[in-house]
Amino acid sequence: MENEKLNEPEYEILNENYPSHDLSFKIVLIGRIGVGKSCLSIRATKKKFETMPTISVDILSMNIRYQEKVIKLQIYDTAGQDIYKSLISNYYKEASLAVIIYAINE
């Protein structure tokens, strides 16, 4: 039996300031304070590991080339503090995807 390589999707991460895109998606990260929303979004977009609290919303973006299309991902990293709950729900509008992040150790 021969070793077969799994067909993995081929994509390329482009410069954050890439001049144009074919598709755009708004992704909202939701979760309580301290679960790692900012850490995940910064790691995905800037390839850094940082932990810092978010005040209201941080908007990060990245561009990906996949199957000859350039896709812009706008990541809305929302604050987990209760005082921002009423403001954050405004960012859910027109979102393509909402990701709920939680910690299992709480």
C-alpha atoms as a PDB file:
ATOM      1  CA  MET A   1       0.000   0.000   0.000  1.00  0.00           C
ATOM      2  CA  GLU A   2       1.466   3.336  -1.018  1.00  0.00           C
ATOM      3  CA  ASN A   3       1.571   6.354   1.248  1.00  0.00           C
ATOM      4  CA  GLU A   4      -0.909   8.834  -0.104  1.00  0.00           C
ATOM      5  CA  LYS A   5      -0.623  12.521   0.642  1.00  0.00           C
ATOM      6  CA  LEU A   6      -3.854  14.010   1.935  1.00  0.00           C
ATOM      7  CA  ASN A   7      -5.326  16.668  -0.291  1.00  0.00           C
ATOM      8  CA  GLU A   8      -4.889  19.776   1.784  1.00  0.00           C
ATOM      9  CA  PRO A   9      -6.388  23.060   0.611  1.00  0.00           C
ATOM     10  CA  GLU A  10      -3.800  25.294  -0.971  1.00  0.00           C
ATOM     11  CA  TYR A  11      -3.966  28.921   0.055  1.00  0.00           C
ATOM     12  CA  GLU A  12      -1.619  31.871   0.347  1.00  0.00           C
ATOM     13  CA  ILE A  13      -1.749  34.570   3.008  1.00  0.00           C
ATOM     14  CA  LEU A  14      -1.288  37.945   1.339  1.00  0.00           C
ATOM     15  CA  ASN A  15      -0.195  41.324   2.641  1.00  0.00           C
ATOM     16  CA  GLU A  16      -2.730  43.044   4.893  1.00  0.00           C
ATOM     17  CA  ASN A  17      -2.777  46.022   2.490  1.00  0.00           C
ATOM     18  CA  TYR A  18      -3.360  43.967  -0.675  1.00  0.00           C
ATOM     19  CA  PRO A  19      -5.014  46.390  -3.124  1.00  0.00           C
ATOM     20  CA  SER A  20      -8.117  44.424  -4.132  1.00  0.00           C
ATOM     21  CA  HIS A  21     -10.255  41.427  -3.246  1.00  0.00           C
ATOM     22  CA  ASP A  22     -12.944  39.290  -4.872  1.00  0.00           C
ATOM     23  CA  LEU A  23     -14.843  38.353  -1.712  1.00  0.00           C
ATOM     24  CA  SER A  24     -15.123  39.840   1.753  1.00  0.00           C
ATOM     25  CA  PHE A  25     -16.307  38.207   4.969  1.00  0.00           C
ATOM     26  CA  LYS A  26     -17.020  39.774   8.352  1.00  0.00           C
ATOM     27  CA  ILE A  27     -16.178  37.467  11.255  1.00  0.00           C
ATOM     28  CA  VAL A  28     -17.215  38.371  14.808  1.00  0.00           C
ATOM     29  CA  LEU A  29     -15.443  36.774  17.782  1.00  0.00           C
ATOM     30  CA  ILE A  30     -17.714  36.475  20.827  1.00  0.00           C
ATOM     31  CA  GLY A  31     -16.921  35.320  24.347  1.00  0.00           C
ATOM     32  CA  ARG A  32     -16.360  36.278  27.960  1.00  0.00           C
ATOM     33  CA  ILE A  33     -13.340  38.236  29.148  1.00  0.00           C
ATOM     34  CA  GLY A  34     -10.073  36.314  29.269  1.00  0.00           C
ATOM     35  CA  VAL A  35     -10.961  33.355  27.033  1.00  0.00           C
ATOM     36  CA  GLY A  36      -8.431  34.245  24.307  1.00  0.00           C
ATOM     37  CA  LYS A  37     -10.360  36.065  21.586  1.00  0.00           C
ATOM     38  CA  SER A  38      -7.658  38.715  21.110  1.00  0.00           C
ATOM     39  CA  CYS A  39      -4.881  36.168  21.314  1.00  0.00           C
ATOM     40  CA  LEU A  40      -6.455  34.095  18.513  1.00  0.00           C
ATOM     41  CA  SER A  41      -7.202  37.071  16.264  1.00  0.00           C
ATOM     42  CA  ILE A  42      -3.712  38.565  16.627  1.00  0.00           C
ATOM     43  CA  ARG A  43      -2.101  35.170  16.054  1.00  0.00           C
ATOM     44  CA  ALA A  44      -4.124  34.651  12.866  1.00  0.00           C
ATOM     45  CA  THR A  45      -3.565  38.103  11.380  1.00  0.00           C
ATOM     46  CA  LYS A  46      -0.123  39.179  12.619  1.00  0.00           C
ATOM     47  CA  LYS A  47       1.569  35.856  13.439  1.00  0.00           C
ATOM     48  CA  LYS A  48       2.361  37.146  16.943  1.00  0.00           C
ATOM     49  CA  PHE A  49       1.452  35.843  20.355  1.00  0.00           C
ATOM     50  CA  GLU A  50       0.082  38.679  22.464  1.00  0.00           C
ATOM     51  CA  THR A  51      -2.385  38.877  25.295  1.00  0.00           C
ATOM     52  CA  MET A  52      -4.116  42.169  25.851  1.00  0.00           C
ATOM     53  CA  PRO A  53      -7.644  43.138  26.865  1.00  0.00           C
ATOM     54  CA  THR A  54      -9.902  44.606  24.199  1.00  0.00           C
ATOM     55  CA  ILE A  55     -11.789  47.823  24.804  1.00  0.00           C
ATOM     56  CA  SER A  56     -15.083  47.736  22.874  1.00  0.00           C
ATOM     57  CA  VAL A  57     -13.967  46.205  19.512  1.00  0.00           C
ATOM     58  CA  ASP A  58     -10.691  45.720  17.648  1.00  0.00           C
ATOM     59  CA  ILE A  59     -10.969  45.220  13.900  1.00  0.00           C
ATOM     60  CA  LEU A  60      -8.206  43.242  12.234  1.00  0.00           C
ATOM     61  CA  SER A  61      -8.030  42.043   8.651  1.00  0.00           C
ATOM     62  CA  MET A  62      -6.171  39.591   6.510  1.00  0.00           C
ATOM     63  CA  ASN A  63      -6.206  38.649   2.838  1.00  0.00           C
ATOM     64  CA  ILE A  64      -6.012  35.105   1.529  1.00  0.00           C
ATOM     65  CA  ARG A  65      -5.651  33.805  -2.026  1.00  0.00           C
ATOM     66  CA  TYR A  66      -7.646  30.591  -2.436  1.00  0.00           C
ATOM     67  CA  GLN A  67      -8.563  28.966  -5.762  1.00  0.00           C
ATOM     68  CA  GLU A  68      -7.530  32.041  -7.764  1.00  0.00           C
ATOM     69  CA  LYS A  69      -9.697  34.366  -5.629  1.00  0.00           C
ATOM     70  CA  VAL A  70      -8.542  36.951  -3.106  1.00  0.00           C
ATOM     71  CA  ILE A  71     -10.634  36.809   0.050  1.00  0.00           C
ATOM     72  CA  LYS A  72     -10.589  39.589   2.634  1.00  0.00           C
ATOM     73  CA  LEU A  73     -11.390  38.499   6.189  1.00  0.00           C
ATOM     74  CA  GLN A  74     -12.405  41.286   8.550  1.00  0.00           C
ATOM     75  CA  ILE A  75     -12.147  39.990  12.119  1.00  0.00           C
ATOM     76  CA  TYR A  76     -14.099  41.860  14.782  1.00  0.00           C
ATOM     77  CA  ASP A  77     -12.563  41.036  18.158  1.00  0.00           C
ATOM     78  CA  THR A  78     -15.196  42.046  20.708  1.00  0.00           C
ATOM     79  CA  ALA A  79     -14.628  42.910  24.357  1.00  0.00           C
ATOM     80  CA  GLY A  80     -15.790  40.395  26.931  1.00  0.00           C
ATOM     81  CA  GLN A  81     -16.630  42.865  29.707  1.00  0.00           C
ATOM     82  CA  ASP A  82     -20.308  43.158  30.620  1.00  0.00           C
ATOM     83  CA  ILE A  83     -20.271  46.971  30.282  1.00  0.00           C
ATOM     84  CA  TYR A  84     -19.790  46.611  26.487  1.00  0.00           C
ATOM     85  CA  LYS A  85     -22.627  44.121  25.872  1.00  0.00           C
ATOM     86  CA  SER A  86     -25.065  46.687  24.498  1.00  0.00           C
ATOM     87  CA  LEU A  87     -22.471  48.149  22.099  1.00  0.00           C
ATOM     88  CA  ILE A  88     -21.137  44.842  20.823  1.00  0.00           C
ATOM     89  CA  SER A  89     -24.471  43.567  19.540  1.00  0.00           C
ATOM     90  CA  ASN A  90     -24.298  46.323  16.887  1.00  0.00           C
ATOM     91  CA  TYR A  91     -21.282  44.582  15.345  1.00  0.00           C
ATOM     92  CA  TYR A  92     -23.251  41.353  14.743  1.00  0.00           C
ATOM     93  CA  LYS A  93     -25.122  43.008  11.875  1.00  0.00           C
ATOM     94  CA  GLU A  94     -24.120  41.773   8.436  1.00  0.00           C
ATOM     95  CA  ALA A  95     -21.616  39.306   9.913  1.00  0.00           C
ATOM     96  CA  SER A  96     -20.832  36.302   7.736  1.00  0.00           C
ATOM     97  CA  LEU A  97     -19.734  34.231  10.712  1.00  0.00           C
ATOM     98  CA  ALA A  98     -19.840  34.465  14.491  1.00  0.00           C
ATOM     99  CA  VAL A  99     -17.313  32.400  16.429  1.00  0.00           C
ATOM    100  CA  ILE A 100     -18.100  31.721  20.079  1.00  0.00           C
ATOM    101  CA  ILE A 101     -14.914  31.272  22.090  1.00  0.00           C
ATOM    102  CA  TYR A 102     -15.016  29.876  25.593  1.00  0.00           C
ATOM    103  CA  ALA A 103     -12.709  28.386  28.195  1.00  0.00           C
ATOM    104  CA  ILE A 104     -13.374  24.913  29.552  1.00  0.00           C
ATOM    105  CA  ASN A 105     -11.517  25.593  32.785  1.00  0.00           C
ATOM    106  CA  GLU A 106     -14.045  28.087  34.209  1.00  0.00           C
END
